[in-house]
């Protein structure tokens, strides 16, 4: 059975963006040094080989980003976020189609949440022009003002709406209703509150089966 992995971090985006073009050798070495312990702990899905990771890290540090790099740079975030942000939690969501939830959030009257879920953060690019329009893994970022709106939408959401139109559920699977209620009723409200309490934005990273 396919699964999607969702991780949440309180993050000031500037913390990571300042690494681009920094020329910081210590940044490169510290990231490489954390690969082995994270891999041993089973916390990495992708970035497990230093020989593969180092060239991409050096491109970031040098500010020489390659628009033709296979897979872009988003796969590095699982290495960068634990140090640049504060982990708020994670979840495993069964099945496929979780990227489709943006339409459901819009239909349920939560446009700010729909925007967060559907809009990729294009790290390390300054904008979307030179990066994938639909990256995978998929990072999405809401700064504090937008996150306040997301939190208010979640607080006003009636979970009873989840079962009104099963076609809006991931993959159109009505068996996903319980996980969707967990996501919008518990996980996202707690993560939004946690990020706001820390004075940062909320970074969501989705990976696994799409």
C-alpha atoms as a PDB file:
ATOM      1  CA  UNK A   1       0.000   0.000   0.000  1.00  0.00           C
ATOM      2  CA  UNK A   2       1.304   3.436  -0.908  1.00  0.00           C
ATOM      3  CA  UNK A   3       1.939   5.949   1.852  1.00  0.00           C
ATOM      4  CA  UNK A   4       2.622   9.646   2.064  1.00  0.00           C
ATOM      5  CA  UNK A   5       4.979  11.086   4.652  1.00  0.00           C
ATOM      6  CA  UNK A   6       4.186  14.505   6.073  1.00  0.00           C
ATOM      7  CA  UNK A   7       6.585  16.504   8.242  1.00  0.00           C
ATOM      8  CA  UNK A   8       6.069  19.921   9.798  1.00  0.00           C
ATOM      9  CA  UNK A   9       8.641  22.509  10.879  1.00  0.00           C
ATOM     10  CA  UNK A  10       8.539  25.977  12.372  1.00  0.00           C
ATOM     11  CA  UNK A  11      10.830  27.868  10.025  1.00  0.00           C
ATOM     12  CA  UNK A  12      12.091  31.338   9.250  1.00  0.00           C
ATOM     13  CA  UNK A  13      12.681  30.919   5.506  1.00  0.00           C
ATOM     14  CA  UNK A  14      15.517  33.422   5.635  1.00  0.00           C
ATOM     15  CA  UNK A  15      17.542  30.949   7.681  1.00  0.00           C
ATOM     16  CA  UNK A  16      17.807  28.626   4.702  1.00  0.00           C
ATOM     17  CA  UNK A  17      17.867  31.255   1.978  1.00  0.00           C
ATOM     18  CA  UNK A  18      20.948  32.831   3.550  1.00  0.00           C
ATOM     19  CA  UNK A  19      22.864  29.653   2.770  1.00  0.00           C
ATOM     20  CA  UNK A  20      22.488  30.312  -0.967  1.00  0.00           C
ATOM     21  CA  UNK A  21      25.698  31.929  -2.203  1.00  0.00           C
ATOM     22  CA  UNK A  22      27.106  32.060   1.327  1.00  0.00           C
ATOM     23  CA  UNK A  23      30.306  30.218   0.421  1.00  0.00           C
ATOM     24  CA  UNK A  24      30.042  28.631   3.860  1.00  0.00           C
ATOM     25  CA  UNK A  25      32.182  25.486   4.008  1.00  0.00           C
ATOM     26  CA  UNK A  26      31.016  24.807   7.570  1.00  0.00           C
ATOM     27  CA  UNK A  27      27.434  24.630   6.287  1.00  0.00           C
ATOM     28  CA  UNK A  28      28.397  21.998   3.723  1.00  0.00           C
ATOM     29  CA  UNK A  29      30.374  19.903   6.187  1.00  0.00           C
ATOM     30  CA  UNK A  30      27.712  20.038   8.918  1.00  0.00           C
ATOM     31  CA  UNK A  31      25.041  18.789   6.529  1.00  0.00           C
ATOM     32  CA  UNK A  32      27.247  15.975   5.249  1.00  0.00           C
ATOM     33  CA  UNK A  33      28.110  14.952   8.807  1.00  0.00           C
ATOM     34  CA  UNK A  34      24.477  14.489   9.755  1.00  0.00           C
ATOM     35  CA  UNK A  35      23.687  12.042   6.933  1.00  0.00           C
ATOM     36  CA  UNK A  36      25.032   8.923   8.653  1.00  0.00           C
ATOM     37  CA  UNK A  37      23.228   9.329  11.995  1.00  0.00           C
ATOM     38  CA  UNK A  38      19.949  10.303  10.332  1.00  0.00           C
ATOM     39  CA  UNK A  39      20.180   7.382   7.927  1.00  0.00           C
ATOM     40  CA  UNK A  40      20.992   4.988  10.787  1.00  0.00           C
ATOM     41  CA  UNK A  41      17.915   6.232  12.624  1.00  0.00           C
ATOM     42  CA  UNK A  42      15.748   5.559   9.571  1.00  0.00           C
ATOM     43  CA  UNK A  43      14.842   9.234   9.202  1.00  0.00           C
ATOM     44  CA  UNK A  44      15.887   9.733   5.575  1.00  0.00           C
ATOM     45  CA  UNK A  45      13.907   8.820   2.479  1.00  0.00           C
ATOM     46  CA  UNK A  46      16.286  10.162  -0.159  1.00  0.00           C
ATOM     47  CA  UNK A  47      19.492  11.963   0.837  1.00  0.00           C
ATOM     48  CA  UNK A  48      21.507   8.986   2.078  1.00  0.00           C
ATOM     49  CA  UNK A  49      24.784   9.126   0.113  1.00  0.00           C
ATOM     50  CA  UNK A  50      27.300  11.920   0.861  1.00  0.00           C
ATOM     51  CA  UNK A  51      28.812  11.555  -2.618  1.00  0.00           C
ATOM     52  CA  UNK A  52      25.423  12.350  -4.153  1.00  0.00           C
ATOM     53  CA  UNK A  53      24.564  15.139  -1.711  1.00  0.00           C
ATOM     54  CA  UNK A  54      27.837  17.090  -1.693  1.00  0.00           C
ATOM     55  CA  UNK A  55      27.716  18.478  -5.262  1.00  0.00           C
ATOM     56  CA  UNK A  56      24.200  19.854  -4.746  1.00  0.00           C
ATOM     57  CA  UNK A  57      25.169  21.394  -1.396  1.00  0.00           C
ATOM     58  CA  UNK A  58      28.177  23.078  -2.950  1.00  0.00           C
ATOM     59  CA  UNK A  59      26.033  24.496  -5.745  1.00  0.00           C
ATOM     60  CA  UNK A  60      23.792  26.053  -3.097  1.00  0.00           C
ATOM     61  CA  UNK A  61      26.689  27.418  -1.060  1.00  0.00           C
ATOM     62  CA  UNK A  62      28.318  28.823  -4.202  1.00  0.00           C
ATOM     63  CA  UNK A  63      25.052  30.302  -5.462  1.00  0.00           C
ATOM     64  CA  UNK A  64      25.497  28.471  -8.771  1.00  0.00           C
ATOM     65  CA  UNK A  65      22.099  26.779  -9.003  1.00  0.00           C
ATOM     66  CA  UNK A  66      21.558  24.420 -11.906  1.00  0.00           C
ATOM     67  CA  UNK A  67      18.019  24.524 -13.386  1.00  0.00           C
ATOM     68  CA  UNK A  68      18.739  21.191 -15.081  1.00  0.00           C
ATOM     69  CA  UNK A  69      19.664  19.365 -11.851  1.00  0.00           C
ATOM     70  CA  UNK A  70      17.712  16.087 -11.739  1.00  0.00           C
ATOM     71  CA  UNK A  71      15.099  16.304  -9.025  1.00  0.00           C
ATOM     72  CA  UNK A  72      15.987  19.912  -8.276  1.00  0.00           C
ATOM     73  CA  UNK A  73      17.146  20.624  -4.726  1.00  0.00           C
ATOM     74  CA  UNK A  74      14.008  19.919  -2.698  1.00  0.00           C
ATOM     75  CA  UNK A  75      15.185  16.426  -1.760  1.00  0.00           C
ATOM     76  CA  UNK A  76      17.879  18.095   0.378  1.00  0.00           C
ATOM     77  CA  UNK A  77      15.285  19.625   2.688  1.00  0.00           C
ATOM     78  CA  UNK A  78      15.014  16.468   4.780  1.00  0.00           C
ATOM     79  CA  UNK A  79      18.654  17.125   5.710  1.00  0.00           C
ATOM     80  CA  UNK A  80      18.446  20.911   6.028  1.00  0.00           C
ATOM     81  CA  UNK A  81      15.206  21.422   7.935  1.00  0.00           C
ATOM     82  CA  UNK A  82      16.101  19.657  11.210  1.00  0.00           C
ATOM     83  CA  UNK A  83      18.921  22.151  11.705  1.00  0.00           C
ATOM     84  CA  UNK A  84      17.366  25.281  10.170  1.00  0.00           C
ATOM     85  CA  UNK A  85      13.928  24.914  11.746  1.00  0.00           C
ATOM     86  CA  UNK A  86      12.238  23.279  14.689  1.00  0.00           C
ATOM     87  CA  UNK A  87      10.454  19.994  14.093  1.00  0.00           C
ATOM     88  CA  UNK A  88       6.787  20.136  15.072  1.00  0.00           C
ATOM     89  CA  UNK A  89       5.758  16.598  14.193  1.00  0.00           C
ATOM     90  CA  UNK A  90       5.190  14.106  11.426  1.00  0.00           C
ATOM     91  CA  UNK A  91       2.562  11.700  10.172  1.00  0.00           C
ATOM     92  CA  UNK A  92       2.146   8.819   7.764  1.00  0.00           C
ATOM     93  CA  UNK A  93      -0.958   9.117   5.578  1.00  0.00           C
ATOM     94  CA  UNK A  94      -2.055   5.887   3.874  1.00  0.00           C
ATOM     95  CA  UNK A  95      -2.876   5.661   0.190  1.00  0.00           C
ATOM     96  CA  UNK A  96      -2.434   8.114  -2.646  1.00  0.00           C
ATOM     97  CA  UNK A  97      -3.946  11.388  -3.797  1.00  0.00           C
ATOM     98  CA  UNK A  98      -3.178  13.549  -0.768  1.00  0.00           C
ATOM     99  CA  UNK A  99      -1.930  16.339  -3.046  1.00  0.00           C
ATOM    100  CA  UNK A 100      -5.546  16.621  -4.287  1.00  0.00           C
ATOM    101  CA  UNK A 101      -6.728  17.929  -0.908  1.00  0.00           C
ATOM    102  CA  UNK A 102      -6.239  21.535  -2.018  1.00  0.00           C
ATOM    103  CA  UNK A 103      -9.526  21.264  -3.958  1.00  0.00           C
ATOM    104  CA  UNK A 104     -11.268  19.869  -0.893  1.00  0.00           C
ATOM    105  CA  UNK A 105      -9.943  22.640   1.352  1.00  0.00           C
ATOM    106  CA  UNK A 106     -11.221  25.218  -1.146  1.00  0.00           C
ATOM    107  CA  UNK A 107     -14.632  23.555  -1.310  1.00  0.00           C
ATOM    108  CA  UNK A 108     -14.798  23.457   2.494  1.00  0.00           C
ATOM    109  CA  UNK A 109     -14.247  27.213   2.744  1.00  0.00           C
ATOM    110  CA  UNK A 110     -10.550  27.218   3.683  1.00  0.00           C
ATOM    111  CA  UNK A 111      -8.840  29.152   0.859  1.00  0.00           C
ATOM    112  CA  UNK A 112      -5.709  30.017   2.861  1.00  0.00           C
ATOM    113  CA  UNK A 113      -5.140  26.348   3.700  1.00  0.00           C
ATOM    114  CA  UNK A 114      -5.837  25.385   0.086  1.00  0.00           C
ATOM    115  CA  UNK A 115      -3.222  27.883  -1.052  1.00  0.00           C
ATOM    116  CA  UNK A 116      -0.643  26.572   1.408  1.00  0.00           C
ATOM    117  CA  UNK A 117      -1.282  22.962   0.390  1.00  0.00           C
ATOM    118  CA  UNK A 118      -1.115  23.645  -3.365  1.00  0.00           C
ATOM    119  CA  UNK A 119       1.741  26.165  -3.577  1.00  0.00           C
ATOM    120  CA  UNK A 120       5.310  24.855  -3.579  1.00  0.00           C
ATOM    121  CA  UNK A 121       8.125  26.674  -1.848  1.00  0.00           C
ATOM    122  CA  UNK A 122      10.849  26.916  -4.472  1.00  0.00           C
ATOM    123  CA  UNK A 123      13.935  26.652  -2.258  1.00  0.00           C
ATOM    124  CA  UNK A 124      16.685  27.476  -3.046  1.00  0.00           C
ATOM    125  CA  UNK A 125      15.449  29.600  -5.939  1.00  0.00           C
ATOM    126  CA  UNK A 126      14.332  33.165  -5.190  1.00  0.00           C
ATOM    127  CA  UNK A 127      11.125  32.496  -7.154  1.00  0.00           C
ATOM    128  CA  UNK A 128       9.327  29.876  -9.242  1.00  0.00           C
ATOM    129  CA  UNK A 129      10.839  30.795 -12.585  1.00  0.00           C
ATOM    130  CA  UNK A 130      13.797  28.407 -12.610  1.00  0.00           C
ATOM    131  CA  UNK A 131      12.420  25.467 -10.641  1.00  0.00           C
ATOM    132  CA  UNK A 132       9.880  22.675 -11.011  1.00  0.00           C
ATOM    133  CA  UNK A 133       6.255  23.769 -11.081  1.00  0.00           C
ATOM    134  CA  UNK A 134       5.246  20.580  -9.279  1.00  0.00           C
ATOM    135  CA  UNK A 135       8.256  19.380  -7.254  1.00  0.00           C
ATOM    136  CA  UNK A 136       8.414  16.114  -5.387  1.00  0.00           C
ATOM    137  CA  UNK A 137       9.014  15.966  -2.491  1.00  0.00           C
ATOM    138  CA  UNK A 138       6.633  18.890  -2.118  1.00  0.00           C
ATOM    139  CA  UNK A 139       7.540  21.685   0.334  1.00  0.00           C
ATOM    140  CA  UNK A 140       4.902  24.311   1.134  1.00  0.00           C
ATOM    141  CA  UNK A 141       5.499  27.350   3.323  1.00  0.00           C
ATOM    142  CA  UNK A 142       3.190  29.833   5.035  1.00  0.00           C
ATOM    143  CA  UNK A 143       4.701  32.889   6.716  1.00  0.00           C
ATOM    144  CA  UNK A 144       3.163  34.112   9.960  1.00  0.00           C
ATOM    145  CA  UNK A 145       0.436  36.419   8.519  1.00  0.00           C
ATOM    146  CA  UNK A 146      -0.889  33.744   6.158  1.00  0.00           C
ATOM    147  CA  UNK A 147      -0.506  31.097   8.834  1.00  0.00           C
ATOM    148  CA  UNK A 148      -2.759  33.102  11.129  1.00  0.00           C
ATOM    149  CA  UNK A 149      -5.487  32.898   8.488  1.00  0.00           C
ATOM    150  CA  UNK A 150      -4.905  29.157   8.085  1.00  0.00           C
ATOM    151  CA  UNK A 151      -5.240  28.673  11.828  1.00  0.00           C
ATOM    152  CA  UNK A 152      -8.492  30.656  11.934  1.00  0.00           C
ATOM    153  CA  UNK A 153      -9.933  28.583   9.074  1.00  0.00           C
ATOM    154  CA  UNK A 154      -9.069  25.343  10.825  1.00  0.00           C
ATOM    155  CA  UNK A 155     -10.613  26.572  14.069  1.00  0.00           C
ATOM    156  CA  UNK A 156     -13.889  27.318  12.286  1.00  0.00           C
ATOM    157  CA  UNK A 157     -14.033  24.117  10.250  1.00  0.00           C
ATOM    158  CA  UNK A 158     -16.909  21.665  10.750  1.00  0.00           C
ATOM    159  CA  UNK A 159     -15.470  18.118  10.457  1.00  0.00           C
ATOM    160  CA  UNK A 160     -18.916  16.878   9.487  1.00  0.00           C
ATOM    161  CA  UNK A 161     -18.310  18.299   6.013  1.00  0.00           C
ATOM    162  CA  UNK A 162     -15.640  15.698   5.331  1.00  0.00           C
ATOM    163  CA  UNK A 163     -18.205  12.978   4.665  1.00  0.00           C
ATOM    164  CA  UNK A 164     -20.581  15.114   2.608  1.00  0.00           C
ATOM    165  CA  UNK A 165     -18.713  14.587  -0.678  1.00  0.00           C
ATOM    166  CA  UNK A 166     -16.455  11.495  -0.694  1.00  0.00           C
ATOM    167  CA  UNK A 167     -15.220  12.509  -4.141  1.00  0.00           C
ATOM    168  CA  UNK A 168     -13.197  15.290  -2.498  1.00  0.00           C
ATOM    169  CA  UNK A 169     -11.218  12.861  -0.369  1.00  0.00           C
ATOM    170  CA  UNK A 170      -7.731  11.723  -1.446  1.00  0.00           C
ATOM    171  CA  UNK A 171      -8.121   9.444  -4.441  1.00  0.00           C
ATOM    172  CA  UNK A 172     -11.897   9.727  -4.029  1.00  0.00           C
ATOM    173  CA  UNK A 173     -11.610   7.097  -1.281  1.00  0.00           C
ATOM    174  CA  UNK A 174     -14.222   7.489   1.451  1.00  0.00           C
ATOM    175  CA  UNK A 175     -12.065   5.266   3.699  1.00  0.00           C
ATOM    176  CA  UNK A 176      -9.650   8.219   3.935  1.00  0.00           C
ATOM    177  CA  UNK A 177     -12.193  10.306   5.859  1.00  0.00           C
ATOM    178  CA  UNK A 178     -10.792   9.356   9.259  1.00  0.00           C
ATOM    179  CA  UNK A 179      -7.244  10.370   8.306  1.00  0.00           C
ATOM    180  CA  UNK A 180      -8.482  13.636   6.763  1.00  0.00           C
ATOM    181  CA  UNK A 181     -10.328  14.450   9.998  1.00  0.00           C
ATOM    182  CA  UNK A 182      -7.134  13.690  11.945  1.00  0.00           C
ATOM    183  CA  UNK A 183      -5.172  15.952   9.614  1.00  0.00           C
ATOM    184  CA  UNK A 184      -7.485  18.979   9.734  1.00  0.00           C
ATOM    185  CA  UNK A 185      -8.816  18.435  13.245  1.00  0.00           C
ATOM    186  CA  UNK A 186      -5.609  17.696  15.122  1.00  0.00           C
ATOM    187  CA  UNK A 187      -2.345  17.777  13.204  1.00  0.00           C
ATOM    188  CA  UNK A 188      -2.588  20.992  11.196  1.00  0.00           C
ATOM    189  CA  UNK A 189      -4.112  23.072  14.040  1.00  0.00           C
ATOM    190  CA  UNK A 190      -1.371  21.926  16.418  1.00  0.00           C
ATOM    191  CA  UNK A 191       1.396  22.587  13.897  1.00  0.00           C
ATOM    192  CA  UNK A 192       0.030  26.012  12.950  1.00  0.00           C
ATOM    193  CA  UNK A 193      -0.191  26.977  16.617  1.00  0.00           C
ATOM    194  CA  UNK A 194       3.304  25.660  17.285  1.00  0.00           C
ATOM    195  CA  UNK A 195       4.844  27.631  14.439  1.00  0.00           C
ATOM    196  CA  UNK A 196       3.078  30.844  15.452  1.00  0.00           C
ATOM    197  CA  UNK A 197       4.136  30.424  19.074  1.00  0.00           C
ATOM    198  CA  UNK A 198       7.740  30.201  17.895  1.00  0.00           C
ATOM    199  CA  UNK A 199       7.388  33.311  15.758  1.00  0.00           C
ATOM    200  CA  UNK A 200       8.054  31.555  12.481  1.00  0.00           C
ATOM    201  CA  UNK A 201       6.278  30.236   9.445  1.00  0.00           C
ATOM    202  CA  UNK A 202       5.055  26.696   8.911  1.00  0.00           C
ATOM    203  CA  UNK A 203       6.890  24.459   6.451  1.00  0.00           C
ATOM    204  CA  UNK A 204       5.131  21.260   5.394  1.00  0.00           C
ATOM    205  CA  UNK A 205       7.115  18.626   3.509  1.00  0.00           C
ATOM    206  CA  UNK A 206       5.207  15.866   1.711  1.00  0.00           C
ATOM    207  CA  UNK A 207       6.974  12.838   0.264  1.00  0.00           C
ATOM    208  CA  UNK A 208       6.331   9.192  -0.510  1.00  0.00           C
ATOM    209  CA  UNK A 209       3.591   7.921  -2.795  1.00  0.00           C
ATOM    210  CA  UNK A 210       1.858  10.710  -4.669  1.00  0.00           C
END
